């Protein structure tokens, strides 16, 4: 119920926005990758298999 907040490599982005690389348990990552995607674009590979993509929080 609701929308997923974490995305694996190769999945399609649900919305336009900036996405950030985090650990699969939600842990922060030193120098995380940050990407800007449009809806329908695919997520690139993460720098580690134990990482996923999530929305960047708004300030």
PDB file of N, CA and C in Angstrom:
ATOM      1  N   UNK A   1       0.847  -1.162   0.000  1.00  0.00           N
ATOM      2  CA  UNK A   1       0.000   0.000   0.000  1.00  0.00           C
ATOM      3  C   UNK A   1       0.894   1.228   0.000  1.00  0.00           C
ATOM      4  N   UNK A   2       0.693   2.053  -0.968  1.00  0.00           N
ATOM      5  CA  UNK A   2       1.553   3.210  -1.103  1.00  0.00           C
ATOM      6  C   UNK A   2       2.668   2.912  -2.085  1.00  0.00           C
ATOM      7  N   UNK A   3       3.557   3.848  -2.182  1.00  0.00           N
ATOM      8  CA  UNK A   3       4.627   3.755  -3.166  1.00  0.00           C
ATOM      9  C   UNK A   3       5.927   3.321  -2.500  1.00  0.00           C
ATOM     10  N   UNK A   4       6.704   2.497  -3.203  1.00  0.00           N
ATOM     11  CA  UNK A   4       8.012   2.101  -2.682  1.00  0.00           C
ATOM     12  C   UNK A   4       8.906   3.324  -2.573  1.00  0.00           C
ATOM     13  N   UNK A   5       9.785   3.322  -1.571  1.00  0.00           N
ATOM     14  CA  UNK A   5      10.705   4.431  -1.391  1.00  0.00           C
ATOM     15  C   UNK A   5      12.135   4.033  -1.713  1.00  0.00           C
ATOM     16  N   UNK A   6      12.377   2.739  -1.883  1.00  0.00           N
ATOM     17  CA  UNK A   6      13.720   2.275  -2.221  1.00  0.00           C
ATOM     18  C   UNK A   6      13.647   1.487  -3.521  1.00  0.00           C
ATOM     19  N   UNK A   7      14.651   1.709  -4.387  1.00  0.00           N
ATOM     20  CA  UNK A   7      14.614   1.133  -5.725  1.00  0.00           C
ATOM     21  C   UNK A   7      15.942   0.463  -6.051  1.00  0.00           C
ATOM     22  N   UNK A   8      15.879  -0.691  -6.671  1.00  0.00           N
ATOM     23  CA  UNK A   8      17.073  -1.428  -7.102  1.00  0.00           C
ATOM     24  C   UNK A   8      17.518  -0.937  -8.477  1.00  0.00           C
ATOM     25  N   UNK A   9      18.760  -1.227  -8.817  1.00  0.00           N
ATOM     26  CA  UNK A   9      19.300  -0.880 -10.136  1.00  0.00           C
ATOM     27  C   UNK A   9      18.466  -1.540 -11.227  1.00  0.00           C
ATOM     28  N   UNK A  10      18.235  -0.826 -12.317  1.00  0.00           N
ATOM     29  CA  UNK A  10      17.484  -1.375 -13.439  1.00  0.00           C
ATOM     30  C   UNK A  10      15.991  -1.122 -13.372  1.00  0.00           C
ATOM     31  N   UNK A  11      15.460  -0.773 -12.206  1.00  0.00           N
ATOM     32  CA  UNK A  11      14.032  -0.458 -12.088  1.00  0.00           C
ATOM     33  C   UNK A  11      13.770   0.922 -12.670  1.00  0.00           C
ATOM     34  N   UNK A  12      12.510   1.202 -12.990  1.00  0.00           N
ATOM     35  CA  UNK A  12      12.151   2.502 -13.558  1.00  0.00           C
ATOM     36  C   UNK A  12      11.784   3.486 -12.450  1.00  0.00           C
ATOM     37  N   UNK A  13      12.189   4.738 -12.637  1.00  0.00           N
ATOM     38  CA  UNK A  13      11.859   5.795 -11.678  1.00  0.00           C
ATOM     39  C   UNK A  13      10.361   6.107 -11.774  1.00  0.00           C
ATOM     40  N   UNK A  14       9.659   6.180 -10.645  1.00  0.00           N
ATOM     41  CA  UNK A  14       8.227   6.445 -10.680  1.00  0.00           C
ATOM     42  C   UNK A  14       7.884   7.907 -10.956  1.00  0.00           C
ATOM     43  N   UNK A  15       8.773   8.817 -10.559  1.00  0.00           N
ATOM     44  CA  UNK A  15       8.520  10.251 -10.699  1.00  0.00           C
ATOM     45  C   UNK A  15       9.790  10.977 -11.101  1.00  0.00           C
ATOM     46  N   UNK A  16       9.629  12.198 -11.601  1.00  0.00           N
ATOM     47  CA  UNK A  16      10.780  13.059 -11.835  1.00  0.00           C
ATOM     48  C   UNK A  16      11.372  13.425 -10.478  1.00  0.00           C
ATOM     49  N   UNK A  17      12.689  13.528 -10.404  1.00  0.00           N
ATOM     50  CA  UNK A  17      13.288  13.957  -9.148  1.00  0.00           C
ATOM     51  C   UNK A  17      14.738  13.567  -9.024  1.00  0.00           C
ATOM     52  N   UNK A  18      15.290  13.904  -7.863  1.00  0.00           N
ATOM     53  CA  UNK A  18      16.680  13.600  -7.545  1.00  0.00           C
ATOM     54  C   UNK A  18      16.683  12.395  -6.616  1.00  0.00           C
ATOM     55  N   UNK A  19      17.513  11.417  -6.938  1.00  0.00           N
ATOM     56  CA  UNK A  19      17.598  10.188  -6.163  1.00  0.00           C
ATOM     57  C   UNK A  19      19.001  10.041  -5.603  1.00  0.00           C
ATOM     58  N   UNK A  20      19.094   9.427  -4.422  1.00  0.00           N
ATOM     59  CA  UNK A  20      20.324   9.327  -3.666  1.00  0.00           C
ATOM     60  C   UNK A  20      20.606   7.865  -3.351  1.00  0.00           C
ATOM     61  N   UNK A  21      21.868   7.490  -3.352  1.00  0.00           N
ATOM     62  CA  UNK A  21      22.277   6.120  -3.046  1.00  0.00           C
ATOM     63  C   UNK A  21      22.381   5.958  -1.526  1.00  0.00           C
ATOM     64  N   UNK A  22      21.730   4.935  -0.962  1.00  0.00           N
ATOM     65  CA  UNK A  22      21.806   4.644   0.474  1.00  0.00           C
ATOM     66  C   UNK A  22      22.018   3.150   0.672  1.00  0.00           C
ATOM     67  N   UNK A  23      22.384   2.757   1.889  1.00  0.00           N
ATOM     68  CA  UNK A  23      22.488   1.340   2.224  1.00  0.00           C
ATOM     69  C   UNK A  23      21.105   0.715   2.207  1.00  0.00           C
ATOM     70  N   UNK A  24      21.005  -0.586   1.968  1.00  0.00           N
ATOM     71  CA  UNK A  24      19.682  -1.216   1.845  1.00  0.00           C
ATOM     72  C   UNK A  24      18.895  -1.224   3.148  1.00  0.00           C
ATOM     73  N   UNK A  25      19.532  -0.919   4.280  1.00  0.00           N
ATOM     74  CA  UNK A  25      18.811  -0.797   5.547  1.00  0.00           C
ATOM     75  C   UNK A  25      18.500   0.660   5.862  1.00  0.00           C
ATOM     76  N   UNK A  26      18.824   1.567   4.930  1.00  0.00           N
ATOM     77  CA  UNK A  26      18.571   2.987   5.137  1.00  0.00           C
ATOM     78  C   UNK A  26      19.759   3.731   5.717  1.00  0.00           C
ATOM     79  N   UNK A  27      20.898   3.039   5.876  1.00  0.00           N
ATOM     80  CA  UNK A  27      22.092   3.675   6.429  1.00  0.00           C
ATOM     81  C   UNK A  27      22.619   4.741   5.480  1.00  0.00           C
ATOM     82  N   UNK A  28      23.243   5.763   6.072  1.00  0.00           N
ATOM     83  CA  UNK A  28      23.894   6.785   5.255  1.00  0.00           C
ATOM     84  C   UNK A  28      25.163   6.220   4.647  1.00  0.00           C
ATOM     85  N   UNK A  29      25.577   6.787   3.520  1.00  0.00           N
ATOM     86  CA  UNK A  29      26.752   6.341   2.783  1.00  0.00           C
ATOM     87  C   UNK A  29      27.689   7.535   2.643  1.00  0.00           C
ATOM     88  N   UNK A  30      28.994   7.321   2.834  1.00  0.00           N
ATOM     89  CA  UNK A  30      29.959   8.394   2.614  1.00  0.00           C
ATOM     90  C   UNK A  30      30.051   8.676   1.123  1.00  0.00           C
ATOM     91  N   UNK A  31      29.941   9.936   0.746  1.00  0.00           N
ATOM     92  CA  UNK A  31      29.996  10.376  -0.654  1.00  0.00           C
ATOM     93  C   UNK A  31      29.036   9.569  -1.537  1.00  0.00           C
ATOM     94  N   UNK A  32      27.733   9.623  -1.254  1.00  0.00           N
ATOM     95  CA  UNK A  32      26.773   8.853  -2.056  1.00  0.00           C
ATOM     96  C   UNK A  32      26.618   9.427  -3.458  1.00  0.00           C
ATOM     97  N   UNK A  33      26.275   8.561  -4.403  1.00  0.00           N
ATOM     98  CA  UNK A  33      25.966   9.025  -5.758  1.00  0.00           C
ATOM     99  C   UNK A  33      24.616   9.731  -5.706  1.00  0.00           C
ATOM    100  N   UNK A  34      24.463  10.762  -6.523  1.00  0.00           N
ATOM    101  CA  UNK A  34      23.210  11.491  -6.614  1.00  0.00           C
ATOM    102  C   UNK A  34      22.883  11.634  -8.102  1.00  0.00           C
ATOM    103  N   UNK A  35      21.653  11.291  -8.481  1.00  0.00           N
ATOM    104  CA  UNK A  35      21.268  11.358  -9.888  1.00  0.00           C
ATOM    105  C   UNK A  35      19.927  12.062 -10.031  1.00  0.00           C
ATOM    106  N   UNK A  36      19.723  12.663 -11.188  1.00  0.00           N
ATOM    107  CA  UNK A  36      18.446  13.296 -11.497  1.00  0.00           C
ATOM    108  C   UNK A  36      17.808  12.487 -12.619  1.00  0.00           C
ATOM    109  N   UNK A  37      16.602  11.974 -12.367  1.00  0.00           N
ATOM    110  CA  UNK A  37      15.910  11.138 -13.347  1.00  0.00           C
ATOM    111  C   UNK A  37      14.527  11.694 -13.656  1.00  0.00           C
ATOM    112  N   UNK A  38      14.033  11.345 -14.819  1.00  0.00           N
ATOM    113  CA  UNK A  38      12.651  11.642 -15.190  1.00  0.00           C
ATOM    114  C   UNK A  38      11.850  10.358 -15.030  1.00  0.00           C
ATOM    115  N   UNK A  39      10.553  10.480 -14.889  1.00  0.00           N
ATOM    116  CA  UNK A  39       9.687   9.314 -14.739  1.00  0.00           C
ATOM    117  C   UNK A  39       9.907   8.356 -15.904  1.00  0.00           C
ATOM    118  N   UNK A  40      10.132   7.087 -15.606  1.00  0.00           N
ATOM    119  CA  UNK A  40      10.338   6.072 -16.636  1.00  0.00           C
ATOM    120  C   UNK A  40      11.795   5.776 -16.932  1.00  0.00           C
ATOM    121  N   UNK A  41      12.725   6.667 -16.512  1.00  0.00           N
ATOM    122  CA  UNK A  41      14.155   6.390 -16.693  1.00  0.00           C
ATOM    123  C   UNK A  41      14.561   5.242 -15.772  1.00  0.00           C
ATOM    124  N   UNK A  42      15.551   4.482 -16.183  1.00  0.00           N
ATOM    125  CA  UNK A  42      16.015   3.365 -15.355  1.00  0.00           C
ATOM    126  C   UNK A  42      17.136   3.808 -14.421  1.00  0.00           C
ATOM    127  N   UNK A  43      17.152   3.207 -13.229  1.00  0.00           N
ATOM    128  CA  UNK A  43      18.201   3.506 -12.259  1.00  0.00           C
ATOM    129  C   UNK A  43      19.502   2.849 -12.691  1.00  0.00           C
ATOM    130  N   UNK A  44      20.634   3.565 -12.582  1.00  0.00           N
ATOM    131  CA  UNK A  44      21.932   2.980 -12.928  1.00  0.00           C
ATOM    132  C   UNK A  44      22.414   2.033 -11.833  1.00  0.00           C
ATOM    133  N   UNK A  45      23.504   1.343 -12.101  1.00  0.00           N
ATOM    134  CA  UNK A  45      24.099   0.452 -11.103  1.00  0.00           C
ATOM    135  C   UNK A  45      24.590   1.260  -9.906  1.00  0.00           C
ATOM    136  N   UNK A  46      24.469   0.673  -8.726  1.00  0.00           N
ATOM    137  CA  UNK A  46      25.025   1.299  -7.524  1.00  0.00           C
ATOM    138  C   UNK A  46      26.491   0.907  -7.417  1.00  0.00           C
ATOM    139  N   UNK A  47      27.232   1.598  -6.563  1.00  0.00           N
ATOM    140  CA  UNK A  47      28.662   1.314  -6.426  1.00  0.00           C
ATOM    141  C   UNK A  47      28.918   0.095  -5.542  1.00  0.00           C
ATOM    142  N   UNK A  48      27.853  -0.488  -4.964  1.00  0.00           N
ATOM    143  CA  UNK A  48      27.981  -1.645  -4.088  1.00  0.00           C
ATOM    144  C   UNK A  48      26.669  -2.427  -4.169  1.00  0.00           C
ATOM    145  N   UNK A  49      26.724  -3.749  -4.123  1.00  0.00           N
ATOM    146  CA  UNK A  49      25.506  -4.570  -4.234  1.00  0.00           C
ATOM    147  C   UNK A  49      24.534  -4.368  -3.076  1.00  0.00           C
ATOM    148  N   UNK A  50      25.033  -3.888  -1.933  1.00  0.00           N
ATOM    149  CA  UNK A  50      24.186  -3.713  -0.754  1.00  0.00           C
ATOM    150  C   UNK A  50      23.553  -2.327  -0.687  1.00  0.00           C
ATOM    151  N   UNK A  51      23.476  -1.641  -1.805  1.00  0.00           N
ATOM    152  CA  UNK A  51      22.917  -0.290  -1.819  1.00  0.00           C
ATOM    153  C   UNK A  51      21.698  -0.211  -2.723  1.00  0.00           C
ATOM    154  N   UNK A  52      20.850   0.766  -2.433  1.00  0.00           N
ATOM    155  CA  UNK A  52      19.635   1.009  -3.210  1.00  0.00           C
ATOM    156  C   UNK A  52      19.499   2.513  -3.447  1.00  0.00           C
ATOM    157  N   UNK A  53      18.569   2.879  -4.310  1.00  0.00           N
ATOM    158  CA  UNK A  53      18.288   4.291  -4.590  1.00  0.00           C
ATOM    159  C   UNK A  53      17.046   4.710  -3.824  1.00  0.00           C
ATOM    160  N   UNK A  54      17.027   5.945  -3.323  1.00  0.00           N
ATOM    161  CA  UNK A  54      15.856   6.489  -2.639  1.00  0.00           C
ATOM    162  C   UNK A  54      15.712   7.962  -2.999  1.00  0.00           C
ATOM    163  N   UNK A  55      14.543   8.534  -2.714  1.00  0.00           N
ATOM    164  CA  UNK A  55      14.327   9.952  -2.980  1.00  0.00           C
ATOM    165  C   UNK A  55      15.252  10.799  -2.121  1.00  0.00           C
ATOM    166  N   UNK A  56      15.718  11.922  -2.670  1.00  0.00           N
ATOM    167  CA  UNK A  56      16.454  12.869  -1.838  1.00  0.00           C
ATOM    168  C   UNK A  56      15.425  13.653  -1.034  1.00  0.00           C
ATOM    169  N   UNK A  57      15.673  13.815   0.246  1.00  0.00           N
ATOM    170  CA  UNK A  57      14.738  14.553   1.092  1.00  0.00           C
ATOM    171  C   UNK A  57      14.718  16.025   0.706  1.00  0.00           C
ATOM    172  N   UNK A  58      13.555  16.619   0.820  1.00  0.00           N
ATOM    173  CA  UNK A  58      13.432  18.050   0.529  1.00  0.00           C
ATOM    174  C   UNK A  58      13.835  18.827   1.777  1.00  0.00           C
ATOM    175  N   UNK A  59      14.534  19.945   1.602  1.00  0.00           N
ATOM    176  CA  UNK A  59      14.978  20.725   2.776  1.00  0.00           C
ATOM    177  C   UNK A  59      13.844  21.362   3.529  1.00  0.00           C
TER     178      UNK A  59
END
